[in-house]
């Protein structure tokens, strides 16, 4: 009986140790993220076009992914924090879109190595009006961002940005899912991308 109890306790201890000290996963299946846009950026020129540089987002893990009302308030699920700095061209407006040109991304998950990367592209598309829904809720934009990392390869953020009408959402909110596929899963359906 003592031998059996020793084997069970040893097995449990090894399982806990393996879970606690597992290194970061090479490419995460998916992680839901929520955040605020806390810096609106400054006017700049990118490849000869008018743009915005230094648009900053900061947030936490948690939420329901790229669906209407998928945003989760702080502290989310308490598993991690993230930030992104984005540079884009185009005009954020209903019926419009912007092209994400560059930026940086950092994700800090509990008991894992940080995932840092370079934003390599993407876009944000707003519905035609505040009462239209293109997949994220009425008046909410759809976001797709690609990130290249050394530790996790190529990652993609598929999400939602609620920032219009200007001044009606303070601070603007962003939420979605970070994953290894450009069309990361959201609930039971794969969004168009």
Protein backbone atom coordinates (compact mmCIF):
# COMPACT_ATOMS: atom_id res chain seq x y z
CA UNK A 1 0.00 0.00 0.00
CA UNK A 2 2.85 2.42 0.86
CA UNK A 3 4.50 1.60 -2.47
CA UNK A 4 1.32 2.44 -4.41
CA UNK A 5 0.87 5.73 -2.55
CA UNK A 6 4.53 6.61 -3.27
CA UNK A 7 4.04 5.91 -7.01
CA UNK A 8 0.85 8.02 -7.15
CA UNK A 9 2.48 10.94 -5.29
CA UNK A 10 5.58 10.71 -7.49
CA UNK A 11 3.45 10.69 -10.64
CA UNK A 12 1.49 13.73 -9.50
CA UNK A 13 4.68 15.59 -8.61
CA UNK A 14 6.22 14.83 -12.02
CA UNK A 15 3.04 16.01 -13.79
CA UNK A 16 2.99 19.31 -11.85
CA UNK A 17 6.71 19.88 -12.47
CA UNK A 18 6.37 19.14 -16.20
CA UNK A 19 3.42 21.53 -16.50
CA UNK A 20 5.05 24.32 -14.52
CA UNK A 21 8.40 24.22 -16.29
CA UNK A 22 7.29 23.49 -19.84
CA UNK A 23 8.99 25.91 -22.25
CA UNK A 24 6.96 28.18 -24.53
CA UNK A 25 5.06 26.39 -27.24
CA UNK A 26 6.60 26.84 -30.70
CA UNK A 27 3.33 28.01 -32.26
CA UNK A 28 0.37 28.45 -29.98
CA UNK A 29 -2.95 26.93 -31.04
CA UNK A 30 -4.76 30.16 -30.19
CA UNK A 31 -4.97 32.78 -27.45
CA UNK A 32 -7.86 35.19 -26.97
CA UNK A 33 -6.79 38.77 -26.31
CA UNK A 34 -8.56 41.96 -25.17
CA UNK A 35 -7.13 45.47 -24.86
CA UNK A 36 -7.54 49.21 -25.01
CA UNK A 37 -6.11 51.49 -27.67
CA UNK A 38 -4.30 53.94 -25.41
CA UNK A 39 -2.31 56.04 -27.91
CA UNK A 40 -3.91 57.25 -31.14
CA UNK A 41 -0.51 57.80 -32.78
CA UNK A 42 0.91 60.78 -34.63
CA UNK A 43 0.77 61.82 -38.26
CA UNK A 44 3.65 60.47 -40.32
CA UNK A 45 4.63 59.54 -43.87
CA UNK A 46 5.05 55.85 -44.75
CA UNK A 47 6.45 55.04 -48.21
CA UNK A 48 5.31 58.45 -49.47
CA UNK A 49 1.75 58.11 -48.10
CA UNK A 50 0.13 59.92 -45.21
CA UNK A 51 -0.27 57.66 -42.22
CA UNK A 52 -0.32 57.27 -38.46
CA UNK A 53 2.66 55.98 -36.50
CA UNK A 54 2.87 54.78 -32.92
CA UNK A 55 -0.74 53.68 -32.43
CA UNK A 56 -0.45 51.69 -29.20
CA UNK A 57 -2.57 48.92 -27.71
CA UNK A 58 -2.15 47.32 -24.30
CA UNK A 59 -4.11 44.50 -22.80
CA UNK A 60 -4.55 41.07 -21.32
CA UNK A 61 -5.51 37.54 -22.24
CA UNK A 62 -9.17 36.57 -22.24
CA UNK A 63 -12.36 37.25 -24.09
CA UNK A 64 -14.46 35.32 -26.59
CA UNK A 65 -12.42 35.92 -29.74
CA UNK A 66 -13.38 37.87 -32.88
CA UNK A 67 -17.14 37.99 -32.32
CA UNK A 68 -19.59 40.70 -31.33
CA UNK A 69 -19.15 41.57 -27.63
CA UNK A 70 -16.09 39.28 -27.38
CA UNK A 71 -14.09 41.84 -25.38
CA UNK A 72 -13.28 40.96 -21.76
CA UNK A 73 -12.58 43.58 -19.06
CA UNK A 74 -9.30 43.58 -17.14
CA UNK A 75 -7.89 41.25 -15.82
CA UNK A 76 -9.41 38.82 -18.33
CA UNK A 77 -8.40 35.26 -17.53
CA UNK A 78 -5.22 36.40 -15.68
CA UNK A 79 -2.92 34.28 -17.87
CA UNK A 80 -0.99 37.03 -19.61
CA UNK A 81 -0.45 40.58 -20.85
CA UNK A 82 0.29 41.94 -24.31
CA UNK A 83 1.06 45.13 -26.19
CA UNK A 84 1.33 46.24 -29.81
CA UNK A 85 2.59 49.32 -31.58
CA UNK A 86 1.14 49.85 -35.08
CA UNK A 87 1.88 52.09 -38.08
CA UNK A 88 -0.76 52.35 -40.82
CA UNK A 89 -1.86 54.19 -43.96
CA UNK A 90 -5.45 55.00 -44.89
CA UNK A 91 -8.37 56.60 -43.08
CA UNK A 92 -10.27 55.02 -40.20
CA UNK A 93 -13.87 55.74 -41.14
CA UNK A 94 -17.14 53.96 -41.74
CA UNK A 95 -16.99 52.34 -45.17
CA UNK A 96 -13.20 52.65 -45.19
CA UNK A 97 -10.12 50.66 -44.31
CA UNK A 98 -6.50 51.11 -43.31
CA UNK A 99 -3.46 49.07 -44.29
CA UNK A 100 -1.17 48.09 -41.44
CA UNK A 101 2.38 48.69 -42.62
CA UNK A 102 4.60 47.80 -39.66
CA UNK A 103 4.92 47.67 -35.90
CA UNK A 104 5.84 45.51 -32.95
CA UNK A 105 4.06 42.93 -30.79
CA UNK A 106 4.80 41.42 -27.37
CA UNK A 107 2.92 38.68 -25.49
CA UNK A 108 3.83 37.69 -21.93
CA UNK A 109 2.17 34.48 -20.74
CA UNK A 110 2.53 32.96 -17.28
CA UNK A 111 5.29 30.35 -17.00
CA UNK A 112 6.33 30.79 -20.65
CA UNK A 113 9.01 32.69 -22.49
CA UNK A 114 7.83 36.02 -23.93
CA UNK A 115 6.71 36.04 -27.56
CA UNK A 116 8.01 39.14 -29.29
CA UNK A 117 7.63 39.93 -32.93
CA UNK A 118 7.45 42.33 -35.82
CA UNK A 119 4.13 43.33 -37.32
CA UNK A 120 4.50 42.65 -41.04
CA UNK A 121 1.11 43.70 -42.40
CA UNK A 122 -2.63 43.52 -42.16
CA UNK A 123 -5.73 45.62 -42.46
CA UNK A 124 -8.66 47.06 -40.56
CA UNK A 125 -12.03 47.31 -42.33
CA UNK A 126 -15.00 49.28 -40.97
CA UNK A 127 -18.64 48.54 -41.81
CA UNK A 128 -20.50 51.01 -44.08
CA UNK A 129 -22.24 52.65 -41.11
CA UNK A 130 -22.63 52.53 -37.32
CA UNK A 131 -25.65 50.25 -37.74
CA UNK A 132 -24.00 47.71 -40.06
CA UNK A 133 -22.36 44.48 -38.85
CA UNK A 134 -19.52 42.85 -40.84
CA UNK A 135 -18.82 40.15 -38.27
CA UNK A 136 -17.89 41.96 -35.05
CA UNK A 137 -21.10 43.74 -34.11
CA UNK A 138 -22.80 46.94 -35.26
CA UNK A 139 -20.30 49.64 -36.18
CA UNK A 140 -17.27 47.52 -35.19
CA UNK A 141 -14.29 47.04 -37.53
CA UNK A 142 -12.72 43.70 -38.49
CA UNK A 143 -8.95 43.42 -37.93
CA UNK A 144 -6.37 41.04 -39.43
CA UNK A 145 -2.69 41.45 -38.48
CA UNK A 146 0.30 39.26 -39.31
CA UNK A 147 3.24 39.02 -36.91
CA UNK A 148 6.61 37.34 -37.45
CA UNK A 149 8.36 35.98 -34.34
CA UNK A 150 11.60 34.08 -33.80
CA UNK A 151 10.21 31.76 -31.15
CA UNK A 152 6.76 31.00 -32.58
CA UNK A 153 7.07 31.61 -36.33
CA UNK A 154 4.28 33.45 -38.13
CA UNK A 155 1.26 34.37 -36.03
CA UNK A 156 -1.97 36.09 -37.00
CA UNK A 157 -4.38 38.21 -35.00
CA UNK A 158 -7.99 38.08 -36.19
CA UNK A 159 -10.12 40.50 -34.23
CA UNK A 160 -12.47 43.41 -33.76
CA UNK A 161 -11.84 47.11 -33.14
CA UNK A 162 -14.54 49.34 -31.65
CA UNK A 163 -13.37 52.92 -32.11
CA UNK A 164 -16.05 54.74 -34.16
CA UNK A 165 -17.86 57.07 -34.15
CA UNK A 166 -14.85 59.04 -32.92
CA UNK A 167 -15.21 59.95 -29.27
CA UNK A 168 -18.10 57.56 -28.62
CA UNK A 169 -15.92 54.70 -27.34
CA UNK A 170 -13.33 55.96 -24.86
CA UNK A 171 -10.93 54.34 -24.81
CA UNK A 172 -11.34 52.32 -28.01
CA UNK A 173 -11.46 48.55 -27.47
CA UNK A 174 -9.81 45.75 -29.44
CA UNK A 175 -10.28 42.00 -29.00
CA UNK A 176 -9.74 38.80 -30.93
CA UNK A 177 -7.66 35.67 -31.24
CA UNK A 178 -3.94 35.22 -31.89
CA UNK A 179 -3.06 31.97 -33.63
CA UNK A 180 -0.88 30.24 -36.20
CA UNK A 181 -3.47 30.40 -39.01
CA UNK A 182 -4.38 33.59 -40.89
CA UNK A 183 -8.04 32.73 -40.31
CA UNK A 184 -7.86 31.73 -36.65
CA UNK A 185 -10.93 29.94 -35.36
CA UNK A 186 -13.66 32.02 -33.74
CA UNK A 187 -16.29 29.97 -32.03
CA UNK A 188 -17.73 27.44 -34.48
CA UNK A 189 -17.15 29.39 -37.69
CA UNK A 190 -14.01 30.48 -39.48
CA UNK A 191 -14.24 34.17 -40.41
CA UNK A 192 -13.55 35.33 -43.95
CA UNK A 193 -10.12 36.81 -44.39
